[in-house]
PDB file of all heavy atoms in Angstrom:
ATOM      1  N   LYS A   1       5.366  20.650   2.318  1.00  0.00           N
ATOM      2  CA  LYS A   1       4.947  20.028   1.070  1.00  0.00           C
ATOM      3  C   LYS A   1       3.467  19.669   1.116  1.00  0.00           C
ATOM      4  O   LYS A   1       2.870  19.561   2.184  1.00  0.00           O
ATOM      5  CB  LYS A   1       5.762  18.762   0.792  1.00  0.00           C
ATOM      6  CG  LYS A   1       7.262  18.960   0.782  1.00  0.00           C
ATOM      7  CD  LYS A   1       7.717  19.795  -0.397  1.00  0.00           C
ATOM      8  CE  LYS A   1       9.232  19.867  -0.450  1.00  0.00           C
ATOM      9  NZ  LYS A   1       9.695  20.675  -1.608  1.00  0.00           N
ATOM     10  N   GLU A   2       2.882  19.477  -0.060  1.00  0.00           N
ATOM     11  CA  GLU A   2       1.514  19.002  -0.144  1.00  0.00           C
ATOM     12  C   GLU A   2       1.464  17.502   0.115  1.00  0.00           C
ATOM     13  O   GLU A   2       2.448  16.787  -0.065  1.00  0.00           O
ATOM     14  CB  GLU A   2       0.915  19.315  -1.509  1.00  0.00           C
ATOM     15  CG  GLU A   2       0.740  20.789  -1.797  1.00  0.00           C
ATOM     16  CD  GLU A   2       0.013  21.043  -3.091  1.00  0.00           C
ATOM     17  OE1 GLU A   2      -0.350  20.075  -3.783  1.00  0.00           O
ATOM     18  OE2 GLU A   2      -0.210  22.220  -3.411  1.00  0.00           O
ATOM     19  N   ARG A   3       0.305  17.032   0.533  1.00  0.00           N
ATOM     20  CA  ARG A   3       0.141  15.600   0.748  1.00  0.00           C
ATOM     21  C   ARG A   3       0.215  14.868  -0.586  1.00  0.00           C
ATOM     22  O   ARG A   3      -0.340  15.311  -1.591  1.00  0.00           O
ATOM     23  CB  ARG A   3      -1.194  15.336   1.439  1.00  0.00           C
ATOM     24  CG  ARG A   3      -1.381  13.890   1.867  1.00  0.00           C
ATOM     25  CD  ARG A   3      -2.310  13.778   3.067  1.00  0.00           C
ATOM     26  NE  ARG A   3      -3.598  14.401   2.845  1.00  0.00           N
ATOM     27  CZ  ARG A   3      -4.519  14.572   3.786  1.00  0.00           C
ATOM     28  NH1 ARG A   3      -4.276  14.167   5.033  1.00  0.00           N
ATOM     29  NH2 ARG A   3      -5.663  15.148   3.496  1.00  0.00           N
ATOM     30  N   GLU A   4       0.916  13.740  -0.602  1.00  0.00           N
ATOM     31  CA  GLU A   4       1.117  12.994  -1.827  1.00  0.00           C
ATOM     32  C   GLU A   4       0.753  11.525  -1.646  1.00  0.00           C
ATOM     33  O   GLU A   4       0.843  10.963  -0.551  1.00  0.00           O
ATOM     34  CB  GLU A   4       2.570  13.110  -2.309  1.00  0.00           C
ATOM     35  CG  GLU A   4       3.583  12.461  -1.382  1.00  0.00           C
ATOM     36  CD  GLU A   4       4.995  12.492  -1.930  1.00  0.00           C
ATOM     37  OE1 GLU A   4       5.184  12.871  -3.106  1.00  0.00           O
ATOM     38  OE2 GLU A   4       5.933  12.137  -1.183  1.00  0.00           O
ATOM     39  N   PHE A   5       0.382  10.910  -2.746  1.00  0.00           N
ATOM     40  CA  PHE A   5       0.030   9.502  -2.772  1.00  0.00           C
ATOM     41  C   PHE A   5       1.259   8.637  -2.581  1.00  0.00           C
ATOM     42  O   PHE A   5       2.325   8.916  -3.131  1.00  0.00           O
ATOM     43  CB  PHE A   5      -0.643   9.173  -4.108  1.00  0.00           C
ATOM     44  CG  PHE A   5      -0.794   7.706  -4.372  1.00  0.00           C
ATOM     45  CD1 PHE A   5      -1.783   6.974  -3.739  1.00  0.00           C
ATOM     46  CD2 PHE A   5       0.049   7.058  -5.251  1.00  0.00           C
ATOM     47  CE1 PHE A   5      -1.933   5.619  -3.980  1.00  0.00           C
ATOM     48  CE2 PHE A   5      -0.086   5.709  -5.502  1.00  0.00           C
ATOM     49  CZ  PHE A   5      -1.087   4.990  -4.861  1.00  0.00           C
ATOM     50  N   VAL A   6       1.104   7.556  -1.814  1.00  0.00           N
ATOM     51  CA  VAL A   6       2.181   6.605  -1.591  1.00  0.00           C
ATOM     52  C   VAL A   6       1.829   5.230  -2.152  1.00  0.00           C
ATOM     53  O   VAL A   6       2.574   4.666  -2.954  1.00  0.00           O
ATOM     54  CB  VAL A   6       2.521   6.478  -0.093  1.00  0.00           C
ATOM     55  CG1 VAL A   6       3.581   5.399   0.129  1.00  0.00           C
ATOM     56  CG2 VAL A   6       3.004   7.818   0.455  1.00  0.00           C
ATOM     57  N   SER A   7       0.685   4.674  -1.729  1.00  0.00           N
ATOM     58  CA  SER A   7       0.333   3.319  -2.136  1.00  0.00           C
ATOM     59  C   SER A   7      -1.164   3.094  -1.999  1.00  0.00           C
ATOM     60  O   SER A   7      -1.846   3.797  -1.258  1.00  0.00           O
ATOM     61  CB  SER A   7       1.099   2.295  -1.294  1.00  0.00           C
ATOM     62  OG  SER A   7       0.893   0.976  -1.779  1.00  0.00           O
ATOM     63  N   HIS A   8      -1.662   2.086  -2.715  1.00  0.00           N
ATOM     64  CA  HIS A   8      -3.089   1.750  -2.742  1.00  0.00           C
ATOM     65  C   HIS A   8      -3.250   0.241  -2.780  1.00  0.00           C
ATOM     66  O   HIS A   8      -2.441  -0.468  -3.396  1.00  0.00           O
ATOM     67  CB  HIS A   8      -3.751   2.372  -3.979  1.00  0.00           C
ATOM     68  CG  HIS A   8      -5.045   1.723  -4.376  1.00  0.00           C
ATOM     69  ND1 HIS A   8      -6.258   2.157  -3.895  1.00  0.00           N
ATOM     70  CD2 HIS A   8      -5.315   0.683  -5.204  1.00  0.00           C
ATOM     71  CE1 HIS A   8      -7.223   1.416  -4.409  1.00  0.00           C
ATOM     72  NE2 HIS A   8      -6.673   0.513  -5.211  1.00  0.00           N
ATOM     73  N   ILE A   9      -4.322  -0.239  -2.138  1.00  0.00           N
ATOM     74  CA  ILE A   9      -4.697  -1.640  -2.244  1.00  0.00           C
ATOM     75  C   ILE A   9      -6.201  -1.720  -2.433  1.00  0.00           C
ATOM     76  O   ILE A   9      -6.973  -1.057  -1.743  1.00  0.00           O
ATOM     77  CB  ILE A   9      -4.231  -2.459  -1.020  1.00  0.00           C
ATOM     78  CG1 ILE A   9      -4.507  -3.952  -1.233  1.00  0.00           C
ATOM     79  CG2 ILE A   9      -4.881  -1.958   0.266  1.00  0.00           C
ATOM     80  CD1 ILE A   9      -3.774  -4.838  -0.232  1.00  0.00           C
ATOM     81  N   GLY A  10      -6.639  -2.534  -3.398  1.00  0.00           N
ATOM     82  CA  GLY A  10      -8.052  -2.671  -3.706  1.00  0.00           C
ATOM     83  C   GLY A  10      -8.726  -3.718  -2.851  1.00  0.00           C
ATOM     84  O   GLY A  10      -8.252  -4.094  -1.773  1.00  0.00           O
ATOM     85  N   GLY A  11      -9.855  -4.202  -3.334  1.00  0.00           N
ATOM     86  CA  GLY A  11     -10.602  -5.208  -2.592  1.00  0.00           C
ATOM     87  C   GLY A  11      -9.852  -6.502  -2.411  1.00  0.00           C
ATOM     88  O   GLY A  11     -10.095  -7.233  -1.454  1.00  0.00           O
ATOM     89  N   SER A  12      -8.950  -6.789  -3.334  1.00  0.00           N
ATOM     90  CA  SER A  12      -8.087  -7.958  -3.249  1.00  0.00           C
ATOM     91  C   SER A  12      -6.669  -7.528  -2.882  1.00  0.00           C
ATOM     92  O   SER A  12      -6.177  -6.514  -3.370  1.00  0.00           O
ATOM     93  CB  SER A  12      -8.062  -8.712  -4.576  1.00  0.00           C
ATOM     94  OG  SER A  12      -7.053  -9.703  -4.596  1.00  0.00           O
ATOM     95  N   GLU A  13      -6.012  -8.316  -2.034  1.00  0.00           N
ATOM     96  CA  GLU A  13      -4.647  -7.976  -1.633  1.00  0.00           C
ATOM     97  C   GLU A  13      -3.659  -8.077  -2.775  1.00  0.00           C
ATOM     98  O   GLU A  13      -2.528  -7.600  -2.657  1.00  0.00           O
ATOM     99  CB  GLU A  13      -4.187  -8.873  -0.472  1.00  0.00           C
ATOM    100  CG  GLU A  13      -4.095 -10.349  -0.831  1.00  0.00           C
ATOM    101  CD  GLU A  13      -5.372 -11.098  -0.548  1.00  0.00           C
ATOM    102  OE1 GLU A  13      -6.450 -10.455  -0.532  1.00  0.00           O
ATOM    103  OE2 GLU A  13      -5.306 -12.325  -0.336  1.00  0.00           O
ATOM    104  N   THR A  14      -4.074  -8.657  -3.900  1.00  0.00           N
ATOM    105  CA  THR A  14      -3.207  -8.765  -5.063  1.00  0.00           C
ATOM    106  C   THR A  14      -3.296  -7.549  -5.980  1.00  0.00           C
ATOM    107  O   THR A  14      -2.525  -7.454  -6.949  1.00  0.00           O
ATOM    108  CB  THR A  14      -3.522 -10.023  -5.869  1.00  0.00           C
ATOM    109  OG1 THR A  14      -4.866  -9.949  -6.370  1.00  0.00           O
ATOM    110  CG2 THR A  14      -3.385 -11.268  -5.001  1.00  0.00           C
ATOM    111  N   THR A  15      -4.215  -6.630  -5.703  1.00  0.00           N
ATOM    112  CA  THR A  15      -4.380  -5.420  -6.501  1.00  0.00           C
ATOM    113  C   THR A  15      -3.745  -4.255  -5.759  1.00  0.00           C
ATOM    114  O   THR A  15      -4.322  -3.738  -4.801  1.00  0.00           O
ATOM    115  CB  THR A  15      -5.857  -5.139  -6.774  1.00  0.00           C
ATOM    116  OG1 THR A  15      -6.465  -6.277  -7.397  1.00  0.00           O
ATOM    117  CG2 THR A  15      -6.015  -3.932  -7.690  1.00  0.00           C
ATOM    118  N   THR A  16      -2.556  -3.854  -6.189  1.00  0.00           N
ATOM    119  CA  THR A  16      -1.808  -2.804  -5.506  1.00  0.00           C
ATOM    120  C   THR A  16      -1.186  -1.841  -6.500  1.00  0.00           C
ATOM    121  O   THR A  16      -0.900  -2.194  -7.639  1.00  0.00           O
ATOM    122  CB  THR A  16      -0.698  -3.390  -4.618  1.00  0.00           C
ATOM    123  OG1 THR A  16       0.212  -4.148  -5.430  1.00  0.00           O
ATOM    124  CG2 THR A  16      -1.282  -4.298  -3.540  1.00  0.00           C
ATOM    125  N   PHE A  17      -0.958  -0.614  -6.057  1.00  0.00           N
ATOM    126  CA  PHE A  17      -0.289   0.412  -6.838  1.00  0.00           C
ATOM    127  C   PHE A  17       0.633   1.196  -5.919  1.00  0.00           C
ATOM    128  O   PHE A  17       0.380   1.336  -4.722  1.00  0.00           O
ATOM    129  CB  PHE A  17      -1.298   1.356  -7.503  1.00  0.00           C
ATOM    130  CG  PHE A  17      -2.196   0.689  -8.493  1.00  0.00           C
ATOM    131  CD1 PHE A  17      -3.451   0.245  -8.120  1.00  0.00           C
ATOM    132  CD2 PHE A  17      -1.786   0.500  -9.803  1.00  0.00           C
ATOM    133  CE1 PHE A  17      -4.288  -0.374  -9.031  1.00  0.00           C
ATOM    134  CE2 PHE A  17      -2.604  -0.123 -10.720  1.00  0.00           C
ATOM    135  CZ  PHE A  17      -3.867  -0.559 -10.334  1.00  0.00           C
ATOM    136  N   TYR A  18       1.706   1.751  -6.508  1.00  0.00           N
ATOM    137  CA  TYR A  18       2.700   2.486  -5.745  1.00  0.00           C
ATOM    138  C   TYR A  18       3.133   3.739  -6.491  1.00  0.00           C
ATOM    139  O   TYR A  18       3.182   3.758  -7.723  1.00  0.00           O
ATOM    140  CB  TYR A  18       3.943   1.630  -5.496  1.00  0.00           C
ATOM    141  CG  TYR A  18       3.669   0.376  -4.710  1.00  0.00           C
ATOM    142  CD1 TYR A  18       3.355  -0.812  -5.351  1.00  0.00           C
ATOM    143  CD2 TYR A  18       3.731   0.385  -3.318  1.00  0.00           C
ATOM    144  CE1 TYR A  18       3.099  -1.964  -4.631  1.00  0.00           C
ATOM    145  CE2 TYR A  18       3.479  -0.766  -2.590  1.00  0.00           C
ATOM    146  CZ  TYR A  18       3.162  -1.937  -3.253  1.00  0.00           C
ATOM    147  OH  TYR A  18       2.910  -3.082  -2.529  1.00  0.00           O
ATOM    148  N   ALA A  19       3.451   4.764  -5.731  1.00  0.00           N
ATOM    149  CA  ALA A  19       4.100   5.919  -6.312  1.00  0.00           C
ATOM    150  C   ALA A  19       5.486   5.526  -6.796  1.00  0.00           C
ATOM    151  O   ALA A  19       6.144   4.657  -6.211  1.00  0.00           O
ATOM    152  CB  ALA A  19       4.196   7.053  -5.291  1.00  0.00           C
ATOM    153  N   ALA A  20       5.941   6.165  -7.864  1.00  0.00           N
ATOM    154  CA  ALA A  20       7.242   5.824  -8.425  1.00  0.00           C
ATOM    155  C   ALA A  20       8.368   5.992  -7.408  1.00  0.00           C
ATOM    156  O   ALA A  20       9.350   5.245  -7.428  1.00  0.00           O
ATOM    157  CB  ALA A  20       7.518   6.683  -9.663  1.00  0.00           C
ATOM    158  N   SER A  21       8.228   6.947  -6.503  1.00  0.00           N
ATOM    159  CA  SER A  21       9.276   7.235  -5.545  1.00  0.00           C
ATOM    160  C   SER A  21       9.478   6.131  -4.508  1.00  0.00           C
ATOM    161  O   SER A  21      10.537   6.072  -3.877  1.00  0.00           O
ATOM    162  CB  SER A  21       8.982   8.558  -4.827  1.00  0.00           C
ATOM    163  OG  SER A  21       7.741   8.499  -4.149  1.00  0.00           O
ATOM    164  N   VAL A  22       8.479   5.257  -4.322  1.00  0.00           N
ATOM    165  CA  VAL A  22       8.582   4.205  -3.316  1.00  0.00           C
ATOM    166  C   VAL A  22       8.526   2.810  -3.914  1.00  0.00           C
ATOM    167  O   VAL A  22       8.756   1.827  -3.187  1.00  0.00           O
ATOM    168  CB  VAL A  22       7.488   4.342  -2.234  1.00  0.00           C
ATOM    169  CG1 VAL A  22       7.492   5.740  -1.649  1.00  0.00           C
ATOM    170  CG2 VAL A  22       6.110   4.000  -2.802  1.00  0.00           C
ATOM    171  N   ARG A  23       8.239   2.690  -5.186  1.00  0.00           N
ATOM    172  CA  ARG A  23       8.112   1.385  -5.826  1.00  0.00           C
ATOM    173  C   ARG A  23       9.413   0.595  -5.695  1.00  0.00           C
ATOM    174  O   ARG A  23      10.490   1.109  -5.962  1.00  0.00           O
ATOM    175  CB  ARG A  23       7.724   1.553  -7.292  1.00  0.00           C
ATOM    176  CG  ARG A  23       7.280   0.257  -7.963  1.00  0.00           C
ATOM    177  CD  ARG A  23       6.785   0.523  -9.389  1.00  0.00           C
ATOM    178  NE  ARG A  23       5.632   1.413  -9.410  1.00  0.00           N
ATOM    179  CZ  ARG A  23       5.615   2.585 -10.040  1.00  0.00           C
ATOM    180  NH1 ARG A  23       6.678   3.009 -10.698  1.00  0.00           N
ATOM    181  NH2 ARG A  23       4.522   3.334  -9.999  1.00  0.00           N
ATOM    182  N   GLY A  24       9.291  -0.655  -5.263  1.00  0.00           N
ATOM    183  CA  GLY A  24      10.447  -1.492  -5.041  1.00  0.00           C
ATOM    184  C   GLY A  24      10.989  -1.433  -3.633  1.00  0.00           C
ATOM    185  O   GLY A  24      11.788  -2.298  -3.251  1.00  0.00           O
ATOM    186  N   ARG A  25      10.578  -0.430  -2.854  1.00  0.00           N
ATOM    187  CA  ARG A  25      11.019  -0.292  -1.471  1.00  0.00           C
ATOM    188  C   ARG A  25       9.887  -0.523  -0.474  1.00  0.00           C
ATOM    189  O   ARG A  25      10.125  -1.045   0.610  1.00  0.00           O
ATOM    190  CB  ARG A  25      11.620   1.091  -1.232  1.00  0.00           C
ATOM    191  CG  ARG A  25      12.839   1.393  -2.091  1.00  0.00           C
ATOM    192  CD  ARG A  25      13.500   2.705  -1.687  1.00  0.00           C
ATOM    193  NE  ARG A  25      12.617   3.846  -1.876  1.00  0.00           N
ATOM    194  CZ  ARG A  25      12.247   4.680  -0.900  1.00  0.00           C
ATOM    195  NH1 ARG A  25      12.685   4.484   0.339  1.00  0.00           N
ATOM    196  NH2 ARG A  25      11.453   5.704  -1.168  1.00  0.00           N
ATOM    197  N   PHE A  26       8.672  -0.117  -0.830  1.00  0.00           N
ATOM    198  CA  PHE A  26       7.509  -0.235   0.053  1.00  0.00           C
ATOM    199  C   PHE A  26       6.585  -1.336  -0.444  1.00  0.00           C
ATOM    200  O   PHE A  26       6.483  -1.583  -1.650  1.00  0.00           O
ATOM    201  CB  PHE A  26       6.721   1.072   0.102  1.00  0.00           C
ATOM    202  CG  PHE A  26       7.418   2.228   0.771  1.00  0.00           C
ATOM    203  CD1 PHE A  26       8.751   2.161   1.147  1.00  0.00           C
ATOM    204  CD2 PHE A  26       6.717   3.390   1.019  1.00  0.00           C
ATOM    205  CE1 PHE A  26       9.384   3.228   1.752  1.00  0.00           C
ATOM    206  CE2 PHE A  26       7.333   4.468   1.627  1.00  0.00           C
ATOM    207  CZ  PHE A  26       8.672   4.396   1.994  1.00  0.00           C
ATOM    208  N   THR A  27       5.876  -1.976   0.484  1.00  0.00           N
ATOM    209  CA  THR A  27       4.892  -2.996   0.153  1.00  0.00           C
ATOM    210  C   THR A  27       3.637  -2.775   0.979  1.00  0.00           C
ATOM    211  O   THR A  27       3.715  -2.629   2.198  1.00  0.00           O
ATOM    212  CB  THR A  27       5.431  -4.409   0.418  1.00  0.00           C
ATOM    213  OG1 THR A  27       6.638  -4.621  -0.322  1.00  0.00           O
ATOM    214  CG2 THR A  27       4.402  -5.454   0.000  1.00  0.00           C
ATOM    215  N   ILE A  28       2.489  -2.751   0.320  1.00  0.00           N
ATOM    216  CA  ILE A  28       1.209  -2.637   1.009  1.00  0.00           C
ATOM    217  C   ILE A  28       0.539  -4.007   1.017  1.00  0.00           C
ATOM    218  O   ILE A  28       0.547  -4.719   0.010  1.00  0.00           O
ATOM    219  CB  ILE A  28       0.309  -1.572   0.353  1.00  0.00           C
ATOM    220  CG1 ILE A  28      -0.960  -1.345   1.187  1.00  0.00           C
ATOM    221  CG2 ILE A  28      -0.042  -1.932  -1.083  1.00  0.00           C
ATOM    222  CD1 ILE A  28      -1.787  -0.148   0.721  1.00  0.00           C
ATOM    223  N   PHE A  29      -0.021  -4.395   2.160  1.00  0.00           N
ATOM    224  CA  PHE A  29      -0.748  -5.648   2.250  1.00  0.00           C
ATOM    225  C   PHE A  29      -1.764  -5.543   3.377  1.00  0.00           C
ATOM    226  O   PHE A  29      -1.725  -4.611   4.176  1.00  0.00           O
ATOM    227  CB  PHE A  29       0.198  -6.840   2.449  1.00  0.00           C
ATOM    228  CG  PHE A  29       1.025  -6.787   3.709  1.00  0.00           C
ATOM    229  CD1 PHE A  29       0.651  -7.515   4.830  1.00  0.00           C
ATOM    230  CD2 PHE A  29       2.185  -6.038   3.769  1.00  0.00           C
ATOM    231  CE1 PHE A  29       1.419  -7.485   5.987  1.00  0.00           C
ATOM    232  CE2 PHE A  29       2.959  -5.997   4.918  1.00  0.00           C
ATOM    233  CZ  PHE A  29       2.568  -6.724   6.032  1.00  0.00           C
ATOM    234  N   ARG A  30      -2.679  -6.507   3.435  1.00  0.00           N
ATOM    235  CA  ARG A  30      -3.747  -6.449   4.419  1.00  0.00           C
ATOM    236  C   ARG A  30      -4.002  -7.793   5.066  1.00  0.00           C
ATOM    237  O   ARG A  30      -3.709  -8.855   4.499  1.00  0.00           O
ATOM    238  CB  ARG A  30      -5.037  -5.922   3.774  1.00  0.00           C
ATOM    239  CG  ARG A  30      -5.688  -6.878   2.792  1.00  0.00           C
ATOM    240  CD  ARG A  30      -6.701  -6.162   1.900  1.00  0.00           C
ATOM    241  NE  ARG A  30      -7.614  -5.319   2.639  1.00  0.00           N
ATOM    242  CZ  ARG A  30      -8.348  -4.351   2.108  1.00  0.00           C
ATOM    243  NH1 ARG A  30      -8.257  -4.098   0.799  1.00  0.00           N
ATOM    244  NH2 ARG A  30      -9.161  -3.629   2.856  1.00  0.00           N
ATOM    245  N   ASP A  31      -4.551  -7.740   6.273  1.00  0.00           N
ATOM    246  CA  ASP A  31      -5.027  -8.900   6.998  1.00  0.00           C
ATOM    247  C   ASP A  31      -6.511  -8.660   7.241  1.00  0.00           C
ATOM    248  O   ASP A  31      -6.889  -7.933   8.157  1.00  0.00           O
ATOM    249  CB  ASP A  31      -4.276  -9.076   8.315  1.00  0.00           C
ATOM    250  CG  ASP A  31      -4.680 -10.332   9.067  1.00  0.00           C
ATOM    251  OD1 ASP A  31      -5.768 -10.870   8.817  1.00  0.00           O
ATOM    252  OD2 ASP A  31      -3.897 -10.780   9.923  1.00  0.00           O
ATOM    253  N   ASN A  32      -7.345  -9.250   6.409  1.00  0.00           N
ATOM    254  CA  ASN A  32      -8.775  -8.987   6.477  1.00  0.00           C
ATOM    255  C   ASN A  32      -9.397  -9.444   7.797  1.00  0.00           C
ATOM    256  O   ASN A  32     -10.343  -8.821   8.287  1.00  0.00           O
ATOM    257  CB  ASN A  32      -9.493  -9.655   5.306  1.00  0.00           C
ATOM    258  CG  ASN A  32      -9.219  -8.985   3.983  1.00  0.00           C
ATOM    259  OD1 ASN A  32      -9.030  -7.769   3.927  1.00  0.00           O
ATOM    260  ND2 ASN A  32      -9.204  -9.757   2.913  1.00  0.00           N
ATOM    261  N   ALA A  33      -8.880 -10.518   8.371  1.00  0.00           N
ATOM    262  CA  ALA A  33      -9.414 -11.015   9.631  1.00  0.00           C
ATOM    263  C   ALA A  33      -9.213 -10.010  10.760  1.00  0.00           C
ATOM    264  O   ALA A  33      -9.994  -9.987  11.716  1.00  0.00           O
ATOM    265  CB  ALA A  33      -8.775 -12.350   9.994  1.00  0.00           C
ATOM    266  N   LYS A  34      -8.179  -9.191  10.661  1.00  0.00           N
ATOM    267  CA  LYS A  34      -7.872  -8.195  11.684  1.00  0.00           C
ATOM    268  C   LYS A  34      -8.287  -6.784  11.260  1.00  0.00           C
ATOM    269  O   LYS A  34      -8.048  -5.831  12.005  1.00  0.00           O
ATOM    270  CB  LYS A  34      -6.385  -8.211  12.008  1.00  0.00           C
ATOM    271  CG  LYS A  34      -5.891  -9.530  12.573  1.00  0.00           C
ATOM    272  CD  LYS A  34      -4.380  -9.562  12.700  1.00  0.00           C
ATOM    273  CE  LYS A  34      -3.869  -8.528  13.675  1.00  0.00           C
ATOM    274  NZ  LYS A  34      -2.393  -8.628  13.856  1.00  0.00           N
ATOM    275  N   ASN A  35      -8.900  -6.656  10.080  1.00  0.00           N
ATOM    276  CA  ASN A  35      -9.284  -5.345   9.544  1.00  0.00           C
ATOM    277  C   ASN A  35      -8.112  -4.367   9.572  1.00  0.00           C
ATOM    278  O   ASN A  35      -8.258  -3.200   9.941  1.00  0.00           O
ATOM    279  CB  ASN A  35     -10.472  -4.765  10.320  1.00  0.00           C
ATOM    280  CG  ASN A  35     -11.747  -5.543  10.095  1.00  0.00           C
ATOM    281  OD1 ASN A  35     -11.998  -6.048   9.009  1.00  0.00           O
ATOM    282  ND2 ASN A  35     -12.572  -5.640  11.133  1.00  0.00           N
ATOM    283  N   THR A  36      -6.950  -4.852   9.160  1.00  0.00           N
ATOM    284  CA  THR A  36      -5.726  -4.065   9.243  1.00  0.00           C
ATOM    285  C   THR A  36      -5.015  -4.047   7.895  1.00  0.00           C
ATOM    286  O   THR A  36      -4.886  -5.085   7.241  1.00  0.00           O
ATOM    287  CB  THR A  36      -4.786  -4.625  10.315  1.00  0.00           C
ATOM    288  OG1 THR A  36      -5.462  -4.631  11.578  1.00  0.00           O
ATOM    289  CG2 THR A  36      -3.530  -3.777  10.426  1.00  0.00           C
ATOM    290  N   VAL A  37      -4.557  -2.864   7.505  1.00  0.00           N
ATOM    291  CA  VAL A  37      -3.726  -2.681   6.322  1.00  0.00           C
ATOM    292  C   VAL A  37      -2.349  -2.231   6.780  1.00  0.00           C
ATOM    293  O   VAL A  37      -2.224  -1.380   7.666  1.00  0.00           O
ATOM    294  CB  VAL A  37      -4.343  -1.662   5.353  1.00  0.00           C
ATOM    295  CG1 VAL A  37      -3.396  -1.383   4.193  1.00  0.00           C
ATOM    296  CG2 VAL A  37      -5.668  -2.179   4.819  1.00  0.00           C
ATOM    297  N   TYR A  38      -1.315  -2.789   6.163  1.00  0.00           N
ATOM    298  CA  TYR A  38       0.058  -2.509   6.542  1.00  0.00           C
ATOM    299  C   TYR A  38       0.806  -1.840   5.398  1.00  0.00           C
ATOM    300  O   TYR A  38       0.491  -2.025   4.220  1.00  0.00           O
ATOM    301  CB  TYR A  38       0.795  -3.796   6.916  1.00  0.00           C
ATOM    302  CG  TYR A  38       0.177  -4.560   8.057  1.00  0.00           C
ATOM    303  CD1 TYR A  38      -0.805  -5.523   7.823  1.00  0.00           C
ATOM    304  CD2 TYR A  38       0.568  -4.321   9.366  1.00  0.00           C
ATOM    305  CE1 TYR A  38      -1.368  -6.225   8.865  1.00  0.00           C
ATOM    306  CE2 TYR A  38       0.008  -5.023  10.413  1.00  0.00           C
ATOM    307  CZ  TYR A  38      -0.958  -5.974  10.159  1.00  0.00           C
ATOM    308  OH  TYR A  38      -1.519  -6.676  11.210  1.00  0.00           O
ATOM    309  N   LEU A  39       1.820  -1.074   5.757  1.00  0.00           N
ATOM    310  CA  LEU A  39       2.767  -0.536   4.797  1.00  0.00           C
ATOM    311  C   LEU A  39       4.164  -0.878   5.295  1.00  0.00           C
ATOM    312  O   LEU A  39       4.641  -0.295   6.267  1.00  0.00           O
ATOM    313  CB  LEU A  39       2.618   0.974   4.633  1.00  0.00           C
ATOM    314  CG  LEU A  39       3.510   1.603   3.558  1.00  0.00           C
ATOM    315  CD1 LEU A  39       3.073   1.156   2.164  1.00  0.00           C
ATOM    316  CD2 LEU A  39       3.493   3.124   3.657  1.00  0.00           C
ATOM    317  N   GLN A  40       4.790  -1.853   4.653  1.00  0.00           N
ATOM    318  CA  GLN A  40       6.160  -2.226   4.974  1.00  0.00           C
ATOM    319  C   GLN A  40       7.099  -1.319   4.204  1.00  0.00           C
ATOM    320  O   GLN A  40       7.058  -1.280   2.973  1.00  0.00           O
ATOM    321  CB  GLN A  40       6.418  -3.689   4.606  1.00  0.00           C
ATOM    322  CG  GLN A  40       7.838  -4.157   4.863  1.00  0.00           C
ATOM    323  CD  GLN A  40       8.174  -4.195   6.331  1.00  0.00           C
ATOM    324  OE1 GLN A  40       7.375  -4.667   7.143  1.00  0.00           O
ATOM    325  NE2 GLN A  40       9.345  -3.687   6.694  1.00  0.00           N
ATOM    326  N   MET A  41       7.949  -0.593   4.914  1.00  0.00           N
ATOM    327  CA  MET A  41       8.842   0.383   4.312  1.00  0.00           C
ATOM    328  C   MET A  41      10.280  -0.060   4.541  1.00  0.00           C
ATOM    329  O   MET A  41      10.743  -0.127   5.682  1.00  0.00           O
ATOM    330  CB  MET A  41       8.607   1.774   4.898  1.00  0.00           C
ATOM    331  CG  MET A  41       7.160   2.243   4.797  1.00  0.00           C
ATOM    332  SD  MET A  41       6.935   3.950   5.360  1.00  0.00           S
ATOM    333  CE  MET A  41       7.351   3.763   7.092  1.00  0.00           C
TER     334      MET A  41
END
């Protein structure tokens, strides 16, 4: 398959978007102090 979009987070952790196929199941969030972005599936 081709690569597909899953999730996005902007400059603020409150600005997020999800592909319809994962919405409600996946959560994207970040820890700025650790320079780390997470995807909880």
